[in-house]
Each structure stands twice: as structure tokens, then as C-alpha cells.
All heavy atoms as atom14 arrays in JSON, in Angstrom:
{
  "sequence": "EFLMGSGKRFFEFATKLAELMWVNVLTILCSIPVITAGCAITSMHHV",
  "atom14_mask": [
    [1, 1, 1, 1, 1, 1, 1, 1, 1, 0, 0, 0, 0, 0],
    [1, 1, 1, 1, 1, 1, 1, 1, 1, 1, 1, 0, 0, 0],
    [1, 1, 1, 1, 1, 1, 1, 1, 0, 0, 0, 0, 0, 0],
    [1, 1, 1, 1, 1, 1, 1, 1, 0, 0, 0, 0, 0, 0],
    [1, 1, 1, 1, 0, 0, 0, 0, 0, 0, 0, 0, 0, 0],
    [1, 1, 1, 1, 1, 1, 0, 0, 0, 0, 0, 0, 0, 0],
    [1, 1, 1, 1, 0, 0, 0, 0, 0, 0, 0, 0, 0, 0],
    [1, 1, 1, 1, 1, 1, 1, 1, 1, 0, 0, 0, 0, 0],
    [1, 1, 1, 1, 1, 1, 1, 1, 1, 1, 1, 0, 0, 0],
    [1, 1, 1, 1, 1, 1, 1, 1, 1, 1, 1, 0, 0, 0],
    [1, 1, 1, 1, 1, 1, 1, 1, 1, 1, 1, 0, 0, 0],
    [1, 1, 1, 1, 1, 1, 1, 1, 1, 0, 0, 0, 0, 0],
    [1, 1, 1, 1, 1, 1, 1, 1, 1, 1, 1, 0, 0, 0],
    [1, 1, 1, 1, 1, 0, 0, 0, 0, 0, 0, 0, 0, 0],
    [1, 1, 1, 1, 1, 1, 1, 0, 0, 0, 0, 0, 0, 0],
    [1, 1, 1, 1, 1, 1, 1, 1, 1, 0, 0, 0, 0, 0],
    [1, 1, 1, 1, 1, 1, 1, 1, 0, 0, 0, 0, 0, 0],
    [1, 1, 1, 1, 1, 0, 0, 0, 0, 0, 0, 0, 0, 0],
    [1, 1, 1, 1, 1, 1, 1, 1, 1, 0, 0, 0, 0, 0],
    [1, 1, 1, 1, 1, 1, 1, 1, 0, 0, 0, 0, 0, 0],
    [1, 1, 1, 1, 1, 1, 1, 1, 0, 0, 0, 0, 0, 0],
    [1, 1, 1, 1, 1, 1, 1, 1, 1, 1, 1, 1, 1, 1],
    [1, 1, 1, 1, 1, 1, 1, 0, 0, 0, 0, 0, 0, 0],
    [1, 1, 1, 1, 1, 1, 1, 1, 0, 0, 0, 0, 0, 0],
    [1, 1, 1, 1, 1, 1, 1, 0, 0, 0, 0, 0, 0, 0],
    [1, 1, 1, 1, 1, 1, 1, 1, 0, 0, 0, 0, 0, 0],
    [1, 1, 1, 1, 1, 1, 1, 0, 0, 0, 0, 0, 0, 0],
    [1, 1, 1, 1, 1, 1, 1, 1, 0, 0, 0, 0, 0, 0],
    [1, 1, 1, 1, 1, 1, 1, 1, 0, 0, 0, 0, 0, 0],
    [1, 1, 1, 1, 1, 1, 0, 0, 0, 0, 0, 0, 0, 0],
    [1, 1, 1, 1, 1, 1, 0, 0, 0, 0, 0, 0, 0, 0],
    [1, 1, 1, 1, 1, 1, 1, 1, 0, 0, 0, 0, 0, 0],
    [1, 1, 1, 1, 1, 1, 1, 0, 0, 0, 0, 0, 0, 0],
    [1, 1, 1, 1, 1, 1, 1, 0, 0, 0, 0, 0, 0, 0],
    [1, 1, 1, 1, 1, 1, 1, 1, 0, 0, 0, 0, 0, 0],
    [1, 1, 1, 1, 1, 1, 1, 0, 0, 0, 0, 0, 0, 0],
    [1, 1, 1, 1, 1, 0, 0, 0, 0, 0, 0, 0, 0, 0],
    [1, 1, 1, 1, 0, 0, 0, 0, 0, 0, 0, 0, 0, 0],
    [1, 1, 1, 1, 1, 1, 0, 0, 0, 0, 0, 0, 0, 0],
    [1, 1, 1, 1, 1, 0, 0, 0, 0, 0, 0, 0, 0, 0],
    [1, 1, 1, 1, 1, 1, 1, 1, 0, 0, 0, 0, 0, 0],
    [1, 1, 1, 1, 1, 1, 1, 0, 0, 0, 0, 0, 0, 0],
    [1, 1, 1, 1, 1, 1, 0, 0, 0, 0, 0, 0, 0, 0],
    [1, 1, 1, 1, 1, 1, 1, 1, 0, 0, 0, 0, 0, 0],
    [1, 1, 1, 1, 1, 1, 1, 1, 1, 1, 0, 0, 0, 0],
    [1, 1, 1, 1, 1, 1, 1, 1, 1, 1, 0, 0, 0, 0],
    [1, 1, 1, 1, 1, 1, 1, 0, 0, 0, 0, 0, 0, 0]
  ],
  "atom14_positions": [
    [[0.83, -1.2, 0.0], [0.0, 0.0, 0.0], [0.87, 1.25, 0.0], [0.54, 2.26, -0.62], [-0.93, -0.01, 1.21], [-2.02, -1.07, 1.14], [-2.94, -1.01, 2.34], [-2.75, -0.11, 3.2], [-3.83, -1.86, 2.43], [0.0, 0.0, 0.0], [0.0, 0.0, 0.0], [0.0, 0.0, 0.0], [0.0, 0.0, 0.0], [0.0, 0.0, 0.0]],
    [[1.99, 1.17, 0.75], [2.91, 2.31, 0.81], [3.48, 2.6, -0.58], [3.56, 3.75, -1.01], [4.05, 2.02, 1.79], [5.13, 3.07, 1.78], [4.94, 4.28, 2.41], [6.33, 2.82, 1.12], [5.93, 5.26, 2.39], [7.33, 3.78, 1.09], [7.13, 5.01, 1.73], [0.0, 0.0, 0.0], [0.0, 0.0, 0.0], [0.0, 0.0, 0.0]],
    [[3.87, 1.52, -1.29], [4.43, 1.7, -2.63], [3.39, 2.27, -3.59], [3.69, 3.14, -4.41], [4.96, 0.36, -3.15], [6.2, -0.2, -2.45], [6.54, -1.57, -3.0], [7.38, 0.75, -2.64], [0.0, 0.0, 0.0], [0.0, 0.0, 0.0], [0.0, 0.0, 0.0], [0.0, 0.0, 0.0], [0.0, 0.0, 0.0], [0.0, 0.0, 0.0]],
    [[2.15, 1.75, -3.46], [1.09, 2.26, -4.33], [0.79, 3.72, -4.03], [0.58, 4.53, -4.94], [-0.18, 1.41, -4.15], [-0.05, 0.0, -4.71], [-1.54, -0.97, -4.44], [-2.72, -0.07, -5.44], [0.0, 0.0, 0.0], [0.0, 0.0, 0.0], [0.0, 0.0, 0.0], [0.0, 0.0, 0.0], [0.0, 0.0, 0.0], [0.0, 0.0, 0.0]],
    [[0.8, 4.07, -2.73], [0.56, 5.45, -2.35], [1.67, 6.37, -2.84], [1.41, 7.46, -3.33], [0.0, 0.0, 0.0], [0.0, 0.0, 0.0], [0.0, 0.0, 0.0], [0.0, 0.0, 0.0], [0.0, 0.0, 0.0], [0.0, 0.0, 0.0], [0.0, 0.0, 0.0], [0.0, 0.0, 0.0], [0.0, 0.0, 0.0], [0.0, 0.0, 0.0]],
    [[2.92, 5.88, -2.71], [4.06, 6.67, -3.18], [4.01, 6.85, -4.69], [4.3, 7.93, -5.21], [5.37, 5.99, -2.78], [5.47, 5.89, -1.37], [0.0, 0.0, 0.0], [0.0, 0.0, 0.0], [0.0, 0.0, 0.0], [0.0, 0.0, 0.0], [0.0, 0.0, 0.0], [0.0, 0.0, 0.0], [0.0, 0.0, 0.0], [0.0, 0.0, 0.0]],
    [[3.65, 5.78, -5.39], [3.54, 5.85, -6.85], [2.47, 6.83, -7.28], [2.65, 7.58, -8.25], [0.0, 0.0, 0.0], [0.0, 0.0, 0.0], [0.0, 0.0, 0.0], [0.0, 0.0, 0.0], [0.0, 0.0, 0.0], [0.0, 0.0, 0.0], [0.0, 0.0, 0.0], [0.0, 0.0, 0.0], [0.0, 0.0, 0.0], [0.0, 0.0, 0.0]],
    [[1.34, 6.85, -6.55], [0.26, 7.77, -6.87], [0.69, 9.21, -6.66], [0.42, 10.09, -7.49], [-0.97, 7.45, -6.01], [-2.17, 8.33, -6.32], [-3.35, 7.98, -5.44], [-4.54, 8.89, -5.74], [-5.69, 8.6, -4.86], [0.0, 0.0, 0.0], [0.0, 0.0, 0.0], [0.0, 0.0, 0.0], [0.0, 0.0, 0.0], [0.0, 0.0, 0.0]],
    [[1.38, 9.46, -5.53], [1.84, 10.82, -5.23], [2.86, 11.28, -6.27], [2.84, 12.44, -6.7], [2.44, 10.89, -3.83], [1.41, 10.86, -2.71], [2.02, 11.21, -1.39], [2.96, 10.19, -0.95], [2.64, 9.13, -0.24], [1.38, 8.92, 0.11], [3.56, 8.26, 0.14], [0.0, 0.0, 0.0], [0.0, 0.0, 0.0], [0.0, 0.0, 0.0]],
    [[3.74, 10.36, -6.69], [4.74, 10.72, -7.7], [4.06, 11.04, -9.03], [4.43, 11.99, -9.72], [5.74, 9.58, -7.89], [6.73, 9.85, -9.0], [7.81, 10.7, -8.79], [6.57, 9.27, -10.26], [8.71, 10.97, -9.81], [7.47, 9.54, -11.28], [8.53, 10.38, -11.05], [0.0, 0.0, 0.0], [0.0, 0.0, 0.0], [0.0, 0.0, 0.0]],
    [[3.04, 10.25, -9.38], [2.32, 10.49, -10.63], [1.6, 11.84, -10.6], [1.61, 12.59, -11.58], [1.3, 9.37, -10.87], [0.49, 9.55, -12.11], [1.03, 9.3, -13.37], [-0.83, 10.01, -12.04], [0.29, 9.47, -14.53], [-1.59, 10.2, -13.19], [-1.02, 9.93, -14.44], [0.0, 0.0, 0.0], [0.0, 0.0, 0.0], [0.0, 0.0, 0.0]],
    [[0.99, 12.16, -9.45], [0.31, 13.45, -9.31], [1.3, 14.6, -9.43], [1.02, 15.62, -10.07], [-0.42, 13.52, -7.96], [-1.63, 12.59, -7.89], [-2.25, 12.58, -6.51], [-1.61, 13.12, -5.56], [-3.35, 12.02, -6.36], [0.0, 0.0, 0.0], [0.0, 0.0, 0.0], [0.0, 0.0, 0.0], [0.0, 0.0, 0.0], [0.0, 0.0, 0.0]],
    [[2.48, 14.43, -8.79], [3.52, 15.46, -8.86], [4.01, 15.64, -10.3], [4.16, 16.77, -10.78], [4.7, 15.08, -7.95], [5.89, 15.99, -8.1], [5.89, 17.24, -7.5], [7.0, 15.59, -8.84], [6.99, 18.1, -7.64], [8.09, 16.43, -8.99], [8.09, 17.69, -8.38], [0.0, 0.0, 0.0], [0.0, 0.0, 0.0], [0.0, 0.0, 0.0]],
    [[4.26, 14.52, -10.97], [4.74, 14.58, -12.35], [3.7, 15.23, -13.27], [4.05, 15.99, -14.18], [5.09, 13.18, -12.85], [0.0, 0.0, 0.0], [0.0, 0.0, 0.0], [0.0, 0.0, 0.0], [0.0, 0.0, 0.0], [0.0, 0.0, 0.0], [0.0, 0.0, 0.0], [0.0, 0.0, 0.0], [0.0, 0.0, 0.0], [0.0, 0.0, 0.0]],
    [[2.41, 14.94, -13.0], [1.35, 15.53, -13.8], [1.31, 17.04, -13.61], [1.21, 17.8, -14.58], [-0.02, 14.93, -13.42], [0.01, 13.52, -13.66], [-1.14, 15.56, -14.24], [0.0, 0.0, 0.0], [0.0, 0.0, 0.0], [0.0, 0.0, 0.0], [0.0, 0.0, 0.0], [0.0, 0.0, 0.0], [0.0, 0.0, 0.0], [0.0, 0.0, 0.0]],
    [[1.39, 17.49, -12.35], [1.39, 18.92, -12.05], [2.59, 19.61, -12.7], [2.48, 20.71, -13.25], [1.43, 19.16, -10.54], [0.21, 18.7, -9.79], [-0.96, 19.64, -9.99], [-2.13, 19.25, -9.09], [-3.33, 20.07, -9.35], [0.0, 0.0, 0.0], [0.0, 0.0, 0.0], [0.0, 0.0, 0.0], [0.0, 0.0, 0.0], [0.0, 0.0, 0.0]],
    [[3.74, 18.95, -12.62], [4.96, 19.53, -13.2], [4.83, 19.67, -14.71], [5.2, 20.71, -15.28], [6.17, 18.65, -12.85], [7.55, 19.21, -13.21], [7.82, 20.49, -12.45], [8.64, 18.17, -12.92], [0.0, 0.0, 0.0], [0.0, 0.0, 0.0], [0.0, 0.0, 0.0], [0.0, 0.0, 0.0], [0.0, 0.0, 0.0], [0.0, 0.0, 0.0]],
    [[4.27, 18.66, -15.35], [4.07, 18.72, -16.8], [3.08, 19.82, -17.16], [3.27, 20.53, -18.16], [3.56, 17.37, -17.31], [0.0, 0.0, 0.0], [0.0, 0.0, 0.0], [0.0, 0.0, 0.0], [0.0, 0.0, 0.0], [0.0, 0.0, 0.0], [0.0, 0.0, 0.0], [0.0, 0.0, 0.0], [0.0, 0.0, 0.0], [0.0, 0.0, 0.0]],
    [[2.03, 19.98, -16.35], [1.06, 21.05, -16.6], [1.71, 22.42, -16.48], [1.48, 23.31, -17.32], [-0.11, 20.94, -15.6], [-1.01, 19.74, -15.86], [-2.06, 19.58, -14.79], [-1.92, 20.18, -13.7], [-3.03, 18.83, -15.03], [0.0, 0.0, 0.0], [0.0, 0.0, 0.0], [0.0, 0.0, 0.0], [0.0, 0.0, 0.0], [0.0, 0.0, 0.0]],
    [[2.54, 22.58, -15.45], [3.23, 23.87, -15.26], [4.18, 24.17, -16.41], [4.27, 25.31, -16.87], [4.0, 23.86, -13.94], [3.15, 23.87, -12.66], [4.04, 23.75, -11.43], [2.31, 25.14, -12.58], [0.0, 0.0, 0.0], [0.0, 0.0, 0.0], [0.0, 0.0, 0.0], [0.0, 0.0, 0.0], [0.0, 0.0, 0.0], [0.0, 0.0, 0.0]],
    [[4.88, 23.15, -16.87], [5.8, 23.34, -17.99], [5.05, 23.74, -19.25], [5.49, 24.62, -20.0], [6.62, 22.06, -18.23], [7.62, 21.76, -17.12], [8.45, 20.17, -17.32], [9.43, 20.49, -18.78], [0.0, 0.0, 0.0], [0.0, 0.0, 0.0], [0.0, 0.0, 0.0], [0.0, 0.0, 0.0], [0.0, 0.0, 0.0], [0.0, 0.0, 0.0]],
    [[3.89, 23.13, -19.49], [3.12, 23.45, -20.69], [2.53, 24.87, -20.61], [2.55, 25.61, -21.59], [2.02, 22.43, -20.9], [1.2, 22.65, -22.14], [-0.16, 22.72, -22.21], [1.67, 22.83, -23.48], [-0.57, 22.93, -23.51], [0.54, 23.01, -24.31], [2.93, 22.86, -24.06], [0.63, 23.22, -25.68], [3.04, 23.06, -25.43], [1.9, 23.24, -26.22]],
    [[2.05, 25.24, -19.43], [1.55, 26.61, -19.24], [2.68, 27.61, -19.47], [2.48, 28.67, -20.08], [0.96, 26.79, -17.82], [0.62, 28.25, -17.55], [-0.27, 25.93, -17.64], [0.0, 0.0, 0.0], [0.0, 0.0, 0.0], [0.0, 0.0, 0.0], [0.0, 0.0, 0.0], [0.0, 0.0, 0.0], [0.0, 0.0, 0.0], [0.0, 0.0, 0.0]],
    [[3.88, 27.27, -19.0], [5.04, 28.14, -19.18], [5.36, 28.33, -20.67], [5.59, 29.45, -21.14], [6.25, 27.54, -18.47], [7.33, 28.55, -18.16], [7.23, 29.29, -17.2], [8.36, 28.59, -18.99], [0.0, 0.0, 0.0], [0.0, 0.0, 0.0], [0.0, 0.0, 0.0], [0.0, 0.0, 0.0], [0.0, 0.0, 0.0], [0.0, 0.0, 0.0]],
    [[5.32, 27.22, -21.42], [5.59, 27.28, -22.86], [4.54, 28.14, -23.56], [4.88, 29.0, -24.39], [5.61, 25.86, -23.47], [5.62, 25.93, -25.0], [6.83, 25.09, -22.98], [0.0, 0.0, 0.0], [0.0, 0.0, 0.0], [0.0, 0.0, 0.0], [0.0, 0.0, 0.0], [0.0, 0.0, 0.0], [0.0, 0.0, 0.0], [0.0, 0.0, 0.0]],
    [[3.27, 27.94, -23.24], [2.2, 28.72, -23.85], [2.37, 30.21, -23.57], [2.19, 31.06, -24.45], [0.84, 28.25, -23.33], [0.36, 26.87, -23.79], [-0.92, 26.49, -23.06], [0.14, 26.84, -25.3], [0.0, 0.0, 0.0], [0.0, 0.0, 0.0], [0.0, 0.0, 0.0], [0.0, 0.0, 0.0], [0.0, 0.0, 0.0], [0.0, 0.0, 0.0]],
    [[2.74, 30.53, -22.33], [2.89, 31.93, -21.94], [4.05, 32.59, -22.67], [3.94, 33.73, -23.15], [3.11, 32.04, -20.42], [2.02, 31.39, -19.73], [3.17, 33.5, -19.97], [0.0, 0.0, 0.0], [0.0, 0.0, 0.0], [0.0, 0.0, 0.0], [0.0, 0.0, 0.0], [0.0, 0.0, 0.0], [0.0, 0.0, 0.0], [0.0, 0.0, 0.0]],
    [[5.15, 31.88, -22.81], [6.31, 32.43, -23.52], [5.97, 32.64, -25.0], [6.25, 33.69, -25.57], [7.53, 31.51, -23.37], [8.05, 31.57, -21.94], [8.65, 31.92, -24.34], [9.17, 30.6, -21.64], [0.0, 0.0, 0.0], [0.0, 0.0, 0.0], [0.0, 0.0, 0.0], [0.0, 0.0, 0.0], [0.0, 0.0, 0.0], [0.0, 0.0, 0.0]],
    [[5.34, 31.63, -25.62], [5.0, 31.75, -27.04], [4.04, 32.91, -27.29], [4.2, 33.66, -28.27], [4.37, 30.44, -27.53], [5.3, 29.23, -27.64], [4.51, 27.99, -28.05], [6.42, 29.48, -28.65], [0.0, 0.0, 0.0], [0.0, 0.0, 0.0], [0.0, 0.0, 0.0], [0.0, 0.0, 0.0], [0.0, 0.0, 0.0], [0.0, 0.0, 0.0]],
    [[3.08, 33.08, -26.41], [2.09, 34.14, -26.6], [2.63, 35.51, -26.19], [1.98, 36.53, -26.44], [0.83, 33.83, -25.79], [-0.1, 32.42, -26.44], [0.0, 0.0, 0.0], [0.0, 0.0, 0.0], [0.0, 0.0, 0.0], [0.0, 0.0, 0.0], [0.0, 0.0, 0.0], [0.0, 0.0, 0.0], [0.0, 0.0, 0.0], [0.0, 0.0, 0.0]],
    [[3.81, 35.54, -25.56], [4.43, 36.81, -25.18], [5.46, 37.3, -26.19], [5.97, 38.42, -26.07], [5.12, 36.67, -23.81], [4.19, 36.34, -22.8], [0.0, 0.0, 0.0], [0.0, 0.0, 0.0], [0.0, 0.0, 0.0], [0.0, 0.0, 0.0], [0.0, 0.0, 0.0], [0.0, 0.0, 0.0], [0.0, 0.0, 0.0], [0.0, 0.0, 0.0]],
    [[5.77, 36.47, -27.18], [6.83, 36.81, -28.15], [6.57, 38.14, -28.86], [7.5, 38.93, -29.03], [7.03, 35.66, -29.15], [7.72, 34.48, -28.44], [7.86, 36.11, -30.35], [7.87, 33.23, -29.3], [0.0, 0.0, 0.0], [0.0, 0.0, 0.0], [0.0, 0.0, 0.0], [0.0, 0.0, 0.0], [0.0, 0.0, 0.0], [0.0, 0.0, 0.0]],
    [[5.32, 38.46, -29.24], [5.12, 39.77, -29.87], [5.28, 40.95, -28.9], [5.16, 42.1, -29.32], [3.66, 39.69, -30.37], [3.38, 38.23, -30.46], [4.13, 37.62, -29.33], [0.0, 0.0, 0.0], [0.0, 0.0, 0.0], [0.0, 0.0, 0.0], [0.0, 0.0, 0.0], [0.0, 0.0, 0.0], [0.0, 0.0, 0.0], [0.0, 0.0, 0.0]],
    [[5.52, 40.67, -27.62], [5.71, 41.66, -26.55], [4.4, 42.38, -26.22], [3.99, 42.43, -25.06], [6.81, 42.69, -26.88], [6.96, 43.72, -25.73], [8.14, 41.99, -27.11], [0.0, 0.0, 0.0], [0.0, 0.0, 0.0], [0.0, 0.0, 0.0], [0.0, 0.0, 0.0], [0.0, 0.0, 0.0], [0.0, 0.0, 0.0], [0.0, 0.0, 0.0]],
    [[3.74, 42.93, -27.21], [2.51, 43.67, -26.96], [1.42, 42.76, -26.39], [0.48, 43.23, -25.73], [2.02, 44.36, -28.26], [0.98, 45.43, -27.93], [1.46, 43.34, -29.25], [0.56, 46.26, -29.11], [0.0, 0.0, 0.0], [0.0, 0.0, 0.0], [0.0, 0.0, 0.0], [0.0, 0.0, 0.0], [0.0, 0.0, 0.0], [0.0, 0.0, 0.0]],
    [[1.52, 41.45, -26.62], [0.52, 40.5, -26.13], [0.9, 39.89, -24.78], [0.17, 39.03, -24.28], [0.34, 39.36, -27.15], [1.6, 38.69, -27.32], [-0.14, 39.88, -28.48], [0.0, 0.0, 0.0], [0.0, 0.0, 0.0], [0.0, 0.0, 0.0], [0.0, 0.0, 0.0], [0.0, 0.0, 0.0], [0.0, 0.0, 0.0], [0.0, 0.0, 0.0]],
    [[2.01, 40.33, -24.2], [2.49, 39.72, -22.96], [1.48, 39.86, -21.82], [1.32, 38.96, -21.0], [3.83, 40.32, -22.57], [0.0, 0.0, 0.0], [0.0, 0.0, 0.0], [0.0, 0.0, 0.0], [0.0, 0.0, 0.0], [0.0, 0.0, 0.0], [0.0, 0.0, 0.0], [0.0, 0.0, 0.0], [0.0, 0.0, 0.0], [0.0, 0.0, 0.0]],
    [[0.81, 41.01, -21.74], [-0.17, 41.21, -20.68], [-1.29, 40.2, -20.75], [-1.71, 39.64, -19.72], [0.0, 0.0, 0.0], [0.0, 0.0, 0.0], [0.0, 0.0, 0.0], [0.0, 0.0, 0.0], [0.0, 0.0, 0.0], [0.0, 0.0, 0.0], [0.0, 0.0, 0.0], [0.0, 0.0, 0.0], [0.0, 0.0, 0.0], [0.0, 0.0, 0.0]],
    [[-1.78, 39.94, -21.95], [-2.85, 38.95, -22.12], [-2.33, 37.55, -21.83], [-3.04, 36.71, -21.28], [-3.4, 39.04, -23.54], [-4.92, 38.11, -23.77], [0.0, 0.0, 0.0], [0.0, 0.0, 0.0], [0.0, 0.0, 0.0], [0.0, 0.0, 0.0], [0.0, 0.0, 0.0], [0.0, 0.0, 0.0], [0.0, 0.0, 0.0], [0.0, 0.0, 0.0]],
    [[-1.07, 37.28, -22.21], [-0.46, 35.97, -21.94], [-0.36, 35.73, -20.43], [-0.64, 34.62, -19.95], [0.92, 35.91, -22.58], [0.0, 0.0, 0.0], [0.0, 0.0, 0.0], [0.0, 0.0, 0.0], [0.0, 0.0, 0.0], [0.0, 0.0, 0.0], [0.0, 0.0, 0.0], [0.0, 0.0, 0.0], [0.0, 0.0, 0.0], [0.0, 0.0, 0.0]],
    [[0.02, 36.76, -19.68], [0.13, 36.64, -18.22], [-1.25, 36.45, -17.6], [-1.43, 35.65, -16.67], [0.83, 37.88, -17.64], [2.28, 37.94, -18.12], [0.79, 37.85, -16.1], [2.98, 39.25, -17.83], [0.0, 0.0, 0.0], [0.0, 0.0, 0.0], [0.0, 0.0, 0.0], [0.0, 0.0, 0.0], [0.0, 0.0, 0.0], [0.0, 0.0, 0.0]],
    [[-2.23, 37.2, -18.09], [-3.61, 37.06, -17.61], [-4.1, 35.62, -17.8], [-4.67, 35.01, -16.89], [-4.54, 38.03, -18.36], [-4.08, 39.37, -18.16], [-5.97, 37.9, -17.87], [0.0, 0.0, 0.0], [0.0, 0.0, 0.0], [0.0, 0.0, 0.0], [0.0, 0.0, 0.0], [0.0, 0.0, 0.0], [0.0, 0.0, 0.0], [0.0, 0.0, 0.0]],
    [[-3.88, 35.08, -18.99], [-4.32, 33.72, -19.3], [-3.58, 32.7, -18.44], [-4.16, 31.7, -18.0], [-4.07, 33.42, -20.79], [-4.72, 34.38, -21.6], [0.0, 0.0, 0.0], [0.0, 0.0, 0.0], [0.0, 0.0, 0.0], [0.0, 0.0, 0.0], [0.0, 0.0, 0.0], [0.0, 0.0, 0.0], [0.0, 0.0, 0.0], [0.0, 0.0, 0.0]],
    [[-2.29, 32.95, -18.2], [-1.5, 32.07, -17.36], [-2.1, 31.98, -15.96], [-2.28, 30.88, -15.4], [-0.05, 32.56, -17.28], [0.83, 31.72, -16.37], [2.5, 32.4, -16.13], [2.13, 33.75, -14.99], [0.0, 0.0, 0.0], [0.0, 0.0, 0.0], [0.0, 0.0, 0.0], [0.0, 0.0, 0.0], [0.0, 0.0, 0.0], [0.0, 0.0, 0.0]],
    [[-2.45, 33.12, -15.38], [-3.01, 33.11, -14.03], [-4.39, 32.45, -14.0], [-4.73, 31.77, -13.02], [-3.1, 34.55, -13.49], [-1.8, 35.04, -12.94], [-1.29, 34.61, -11.74], [-0.88, 35.91, -13.44], [-0.13, 35.2, -11.51], [0.14, 35.99, -12.53], [0.0, 0.0, 0.0], [0.0, 0.0, 0.0], [0.0, 0.0, 0.0], [0.0, 0.0, 0.0]],
    [[-5.15, 32.61, -15.06], [-6.45, 31.95, -15.14], [-6.29, 30.44, -15.05], [-7.01, 29.77, -14.3], [-7.12, 32.34, -16.47], [-8.45, 31.71, -16.68], [-9.55, 32.03, -15.93], [-8.86, 30.76, -17.56], [-10.59, 31.32, -16.33], [-10.2, 30.53, -17.32], [0.0, 0.0, 0.0], [0.0, 0.0, 0.0], [0.0, 0.0, 0.0], [0.0, 0.0, 0.0]],
    [[-5.33, 29.89, -15.78], [-5.1, 28.45, -15.78], [-4.46, 28.0, -14.47], [-4.83, 26.95, -13.91], [-4.21, 28.05, -16.98], [-3.87, 26.56, -16.92], [-4.91, 28.37, -18.3], [0.0, 0.0, 0.0], [0.0, 0.0, 0.0], [0.0, 0.0, 0.0], [0.0, 0.0, 0.0], [0.0, 0.0, 0.0], [0.0, 0.0, 0.0], [0.0, 0.0, 0.0]]
  ]
}
């Protein structure tokens, strides 16, 4: 049970980390024109 619990926690952590990385990529891509950076930051906080 301990191993299963640890595996579940690791999977949840890895999922959150992947989500954060993808949000980071989206925010950077949408900020490239510079003028759109404010909207990119707004969308980032929404997610």
C-alpha cells in the first residue's frame, strides 16, 4: 500500500509539473510579440 501510495503521489507530482511546464511554454509563445504579454500573463493566471 505504501508503494502504491508513493507511486500515486509521484504520478500526481509529475502531472502537475508537466502542466506547469506546458503553461510556461504557452505563456512564452504568446508573449513573443511583446505587446501580447499582458494577455499571456492574464491567461496564465487563469489556468
